[in-house]
Amino acid sequence: MGAQDPTNRRRWGPGHTRRAAGSLVALLLALTFSVTGCLPDANNDGRRVWLMVGDSNTHFTGCSYPLQLQAQLDPAATLIVDAGVFGSAAWGWIRDDTLAPLLAADPKPDGVVFALGTNDIGSHRTVDQLIADLEALRSQAQAAGVHPFMATIPPRYDVVTGLRDADFEAARVEVNAHLRTTTPATRLVDFDSWMPDTWSADFMCTWYGVLDAVHINCDAHEIRAAVLRSLL
C-alpha cells in the first residue's frame, strides 16, 4: 500500500476498488453471521437508529465502517450515527459522562455499538479495570433503554517484527474472552477473529511507507460494515 493521507486515505463509494482478500472475508462473514438477530425499534419511531461509540478505528477516514454501512442502507429506515472519537477510551467516556447525552438524543438510539479498549490497554489500564468500564457503559445503555452491542478488541502489531504485540495481546485476549462469555451472540460484534496473526497490508494502514500498527484500512472497515450489517 502506498502513501496515504492520514485523514482521508481513500473515499469509499460505488467506484471503490476492493481488495480480493477483503471482499472474500466480508462475504464469508456475511454468510457465517447471517440471521443472527435484528435490532428492535426500541422507541417505536419507525426507524432503527444505531449509535457507533468507538475510537479512531471507528471515526478516522472517509471510508470508515459507519459511513460504509450507512451507504448500504435506506437512511429513512436505518440511521447510523458515528460517535467515534479519535484517541478515546472506555474510561474516558465514563469520566467525561459523554455517553448520556448521546443516549438521550433525538432521534433516540435503539442500539449502541461499543468498539473500545485499544486505547485503554495502550494506556496500561488493567484488564479488570477495562472490563469494569465496559460493563459500566453496557449498563448505562441498558438503563437508558438502548440495546448494547459489544465489539471485540482488534490486535495491535509490533512495527519492527510485524507480529502481534505480545503485552497488548495478552490483555486483549482476556477482555475479549469476557465479552464473548457475557454477551449474547446476537449482541456480539466480531471485530477481531478475522484479523491476521501478522501485520498485513490487506487490513492495516501504511503511512508514507511506514507500518501503522494500530489503524485498520478501508478494506478492514468494509469487513466491519459487513459484520454489523449481518446483525441487522
Protein backbone atom coordinates (compact mmCIF):
# COMPACT_ATOMS: atom_id res chain seq x y z
CA MET A 1 0.00 0.00 0.00
CA GLY A 2 1.47 3.33 -0.99
CA ALA A 3 1.49 6.74 0.63
CA GLN A 4 -1.82 7.78 2.12
CA ASP A 5 -3.36 10.92 3.55
CA PRO A 6 -3.93 10.19 7.27
CA THR A 7 -7.27 11.99 7.31
CA ASN A 8 -8.69 10.64 4.09
CA ARG A 9 -6.81 7.72 2.63
CA ARG A 10 -9.46 6.51 0.23
CA ARG A 11 -13.04 7.65 -0.02
CA TRP A 12 -15.37 4.71 -0.18
CA GLY A 13 -18.07 4.82 -2.80
CA PRO A 14 -19.63 2.85 -5.63
CA GLY A 15 -16.39 3.06 -7.57
CA HIS A 16 -14.18 1.89 -4.72
CA THR A 17 -11.90 -0.95 -5.81
CA ARG A 18 -11.91 -3.60 -3.12
CA ARG A 19 -9.06 -5.94 -2.44
CA ALA A 20 -9.93 -9.54 -3.32
CA ALA A 21 -8.92 -10.79 0.13
CA GLY A 22 -11.07 -8.23 1.93
CA SER A 23 -14.10 -8.92 -0.23
CA LEU A 24 -13.78 -12.67 0.25
CA VAL A 25 -13.58 -12.35 4.02
CA ALA A 26 -16.54 -9.96 4.01
CA LEU A 27 -18.59 -12.48 2.02
CA LEU A 28 -17.66 -15.34 4.34
CA LEU A 29 -18.53 -13.26 7.38
CA ALA A 30 -21.88 -12.29 5.91
CA LEU A 31 -22.68 -15.95 5.36
CA THR A 32 -21.37 -17.03 8.76
CA PHE A 33 -23.25 -14.40 10.73
CA SER A 34 -26.46 -14.35 8.71
CA VAL A 35 -29.76 -14.45 10.59
CA THR A 36 -28.15 -13.81 13.98
CA GLY A 37 -30.81 -11.35 15.08
CA CYS A 38 -32.13 -7.87 14.36
CA LEU A 39 -32.17 -4.60 16.20
CA PRO A 40 -35.63 -3.89 17.64
CA ASP A 41 -37.23 -0.49 17.15
CA ALA A 42 -36.91 0.23 20.85
CA ASN A 43 -38.71 3.57 20.81
CA ASN A 44 -41.28 2.63 18.14
CA ASP A 45 -40.49 5.62 15.92
CA GLY A 46 -40.44 3.60 12.71
CA ARG A 47 -36.68 3.90 12.23
CA ARG A 48 -33.78 1.93 13.67
CA VAL A 49 -31.00 4.15 14.95
CA TRP A 50 -27.54 2.74 15.63
CA LEU A 51 -25.02 4.68 17.69
CA MET A 52 -21.38 3.80 16.97
CA VAL A 53 -19.21 4.55 20.02
CA GLY A 54 -15.52 3.97 19.41
CA ASP A 55 -12.05 5.38 18.90
CA SER A 56 -10.02 6.23 15.79
CA ASN A 57 -10.85 2.84 14.28
CA THR A 58 -14.48 3.98 14.22
CA HIS A 59 -14.11 7.63 13.22
CA PHE A 60 -10.96 8.19 11.22
CA THR A 61 -11.35 8.22 7.44
CA GLY A 62 -13.75 8.84 4.61
CA CYS A 63 -14.17 5.05 4.31
CA SER A 64 -14.95 4.21 7.95
CA TYR A 65 -17.41 1.40 8.67
CA PRO A 66 -20.20 3.74 9.88
CA LEU A 67 -20.05 5.53 6.53
CA GLN A 68 -19.88 2.30 4.56
CA LEU A 69 -22.76 0.78 6.48
CA GLN A 70 -24.98 3.84 6.09
CA ALA A 71 -24.27 3.91 2.34
CA GLN A 72 -25.74 0.40 2.08
CA LEU A 73 -28.93 1.23 3.97
CA ASP A 74 -32.00 3.39 3.49
CA PRO A 75 -31.49 6.33 5.90
CA ALA A 76 -35.27 6.66 6.24
CA ALA A 77 -35.36 3.18 7.76
CA THR A 78 -31.94 2.90 9.45
CA LEU A 79 -29.72 5.71 10.67
CA ILE A 80 -26.06 5.12 11.57
CA VAL A 81 -24.69 7.75 13.97
CA ASP A 82 -20.88 7.91 14.06
CA ALA A 83 -19.92 8.78 17.65
CA GLY A 84 -16.31 7.67 17.36
CA VAL A 85 -13.71 9.94 18.94
CA PHE A 86 -10.04 9.83 17.97
CA GLY A 87 -7.95 8.60 20.92
CA SER A 88 -10.92 7.79 23.14
CA ALA A 89 -11.02 5.03 25.73
CA ALA A 90 -13.78 3.40 27.74
CA TRP A 91 -12.67 5.08 30.96
CA GLY A 92 -12.77 8.48 29.24
CA TRP A 93 -16.39 8.03 28.20
CA ILE A 94 -17.22 7.33 31.84
CA ARG A 95 -15.07 10.10 33.32
CA ASP A 96 -16.48 12.76 31.00
CA ASP A 97 -20.05 11.37 31.08
CA THR A 98 -20.25 11.80 27.32
CA LEU A 99 -22.50 8.80 26.65
CA ALA A 100 -25.62 10.03 28.45
CA PRO A 101 -26.47 12.89 26.06
CA LEU A 102 -26.00 10.61 23.06
CA LEU A 103 -28.35 8.01 24.51
CA ALA A 104 -30.97 10.70 25.07
CA ALA A 105 -30.50 12.43 21.70
CA ASP A 106 -33.24 12.97 19.15
CA PRO A 107 -33.64 10.69 17.29
CA LYS A 108 -33.13 8.36 20.23
CA PRO A 109 -30.84 5.40 19.51
CA ASP A 110 -32.31 1.89 19.51
CA GLY A 111 -28.88 0.28 19.79
CA VAL A 112 -25.31 1.27 20.57
CA VAL A 113 -22.12 -0.49 19.48
CA PHE A 114 -19.20 -0.14 21.89
CA ALA A 115 -15.92 -0.60 19.97
CA LEU A 116 -13.47 0.46 22.67
CA GLY A 117 -10.49 -0.97 24.52
CA THR A 118 -7.47 -0.39 22.28
CA ASN A 119 -6.51 2.89 23.92
CA ASP A 120 -7.36 1.57 27.38
CA ILE A 121 -4.89 -1.29 27.03
CA GLY A 122 -2.40 1.03 25.36
CA SER A 123 -2.52 3.38 28.35
CA HIS A 124 -1.92 0.44 30.72
CA ARG A 125 -5.45 0.17 32.05
CA THR A 126 -5.63 -3.23 33.76
CA VAL A 127 -7.85 -6.00 32.43
CA ASP A 128 -10.11 -5.79 35.48
CA GLN A 129 -10.41 -2.02 35.12
CA LEU A 130 -11.22 -2.25 31.42
CA ILE A 131 -13.82 -4.96 31.94
CA ALA A 132 -15.44 -2.90 34.69
CA ASP A 133 -15.51 0.18 32.44
CA LEU A 134 -17.05 -1.71 29.51
CA GLU A 135 -19.65 -3.23 31.82
CA ALA A 136 -20.46 0.22 33.19
CA LEU A 137 -21.07 1.51 29.67
CA ARG A 138 -23.21 -1.53 28.84
CA SER A 139 -25.27 -0.98 31.98
CA GLN A 140 -25.68 2.72 31.21
CA ALA A 141 -27.09 1.89 27.78
CA GLN A 142 -29.46 -0.71 29.18
CA ALA A 143 -30.70 1.71 31.83
CA ALA A 144 -31.48 4.22 29.07
CA GLY A 145 -33.48 1.64 27.13
CA VAL A 146 -30.86 1.32 24.39
CA HIS A 147 -29.68 -2.15 23.32
CA PRO A 148 -25.90 -2.52 23.87
CA PHE A 149 -23.72 -4.36 21.36
CA MET A 150 -20.16 -5.16 22.43
CA ALA A 151 -17.37 -5.28 19.84
CA THR A 152 -14.26 -7.36 20.40
CA ILE A 153 -10.91 -5.57 20.50
CA PRO A 154 -8.68 -5.98 17.42
CA PRO A 155 -4.98 -6.89 17.65
CA ARG A 156 -2.15 -4.40 17.65
CA TYR A 157 1.13 -5.17 15.89
CA ASP A 158 4.82 -4.65 16.54
CA VAL A 159 6.09 -2.22 13.90
CA VAL A 160 9.50 -3.93 13.80
CA THR A 161 8.58 -7.61 13.64
CA GLY A 162 5.07 -7.31 12.21
CA LEU A 163 3.89 -9.81 14.82
CA ARG A 164 1.12 -9.13 17.29
CA ASP A 165 2.23 -7.00 20.24
CA ALA A 166 2.68 -9.62 22.98
CA ASP A 167 1.84 -7.47 26.01
CA PHE A 168 -1.17 -5.92 24.31
CA GLU A 169 -2.30 -9.31 23.03
CA ALA A 170 -2.44 -10.93 26.47
CA ALA A 171 -4.79 -8.27 27.82
CA ARG A 172 -6.83 -8.14 24.61
CA VAL A 173 -7.48 -11.87 24.58
CA GLU A 174 -8.60 -11.83 28.21
CA VAL A 175 -11.01 -8.94 27.73
CA ASN A 176 -12.42 -10.46 24.53
CA ALA A 177 -12.96 -13.77 26.31
CA HIS A 178 -15.03 -11.93 28.89
CA LEU A 179 -17.07 -10.20 26.19
CA ARG A 180 -17.73 -13.45 24.36
CA THR A 181 -18.79 -15.15 27.60
CA THR A 182 -21.11 -12.39 28.81
CA THR A 183 -22.61 -11.11 25.55
CA PRO A 184 -25.41 -12.90 23.65
CA ALA A 185 -24.40 -13.96 20.14
CA THR A 186 -26.91 -11.53 18.63
CA ARG A 187 -25.24 -8.64 20.51
CA LEU A 188 -21.57 -9.57 20.00
CA VAL A 189 -19.72 -7.76 17.19
CA ASP A 190 -16.72 -9.71 15.90
CA PHE A 191 -14.02 -7.17 15.12
CA ASP A 192 -11.04 -9.44 15.75
CA SER A 193 -11.30 -13.11 14.73
CA TRP A 194 -10.68 -12.35 11.05
CA MET A 195 -7.61 -10.19 11.70
CA PRO A 196 -4.29 -11.83 10.71
CA ASP A 197 -1.62 -13.06 13.12
CA THR A 198 0.97 -10.85 11.43
CA TRP A 199 0.70 -7.35 10.01
CA SER A 200 -0.90 -7.31 6.56
CA ALA A 201 -1.44 -4.53 4.03
CA ASP A 202 -4.80 -6.14 3.28
CA PHE A 203 -6.10 -4.94 6.65
CA MET A 204 -3.75 -2.34 8.16
CA CYS A 205 -2.70 1.17 7.19
CA THR A 206 0.64 2.35 5.92
CA TRP A 207 1.67 5.96 6.39
CA TYR A 208 4.03 7.02 3.62
CA GLY A 209 5.72 3.62 3.62
CA VAL A 210 5.76 3.25 7.42
CA LEU A 211 3.78 0.50 9.12
CA ASP A 212 0.82 1.57 11.23
CA ALA A 213 0.41 -0.99 13.99
CA VAL A 214 -3.00 0.19 15.19
CA HIS A 215 -5.26 1.63 12.48
CA ILE A 216 -7.24 -0.52 10.07
CA ASN A 217 -7.56 0.39 6.40
CA CYS A 218 -10.59 0.81 4.13
CA ASP A 219 -10.84 -2.90 3.35
CA ALA A 220 -10.94 -3.81 7.02
CA HIS A 221 -13.60 -1.14 7.54
CA GLU A 222 -15.56 -2.85 4.78
CA ILE A 223 -15.41 -6.13 6.70
CA ARG A 224 -16.54 -4.39 9.88
CA ALA A 225 -19.51 -2.97 7.99
CA ALA A 226 -20.37 -6.48 6.74
CA VAL A 227 -20.20 -7.88 10.29
CA LEU A 228 -22.51 -5.17 11.57
CA ARG A 229 -24.93 -5.48 8.69
CA SER A 230 -25.28 -9.18 9.41
CA LEU A 231 -26.57 -8.22 12.87
CA LEU A 232 -29.32 -6.09 11.33
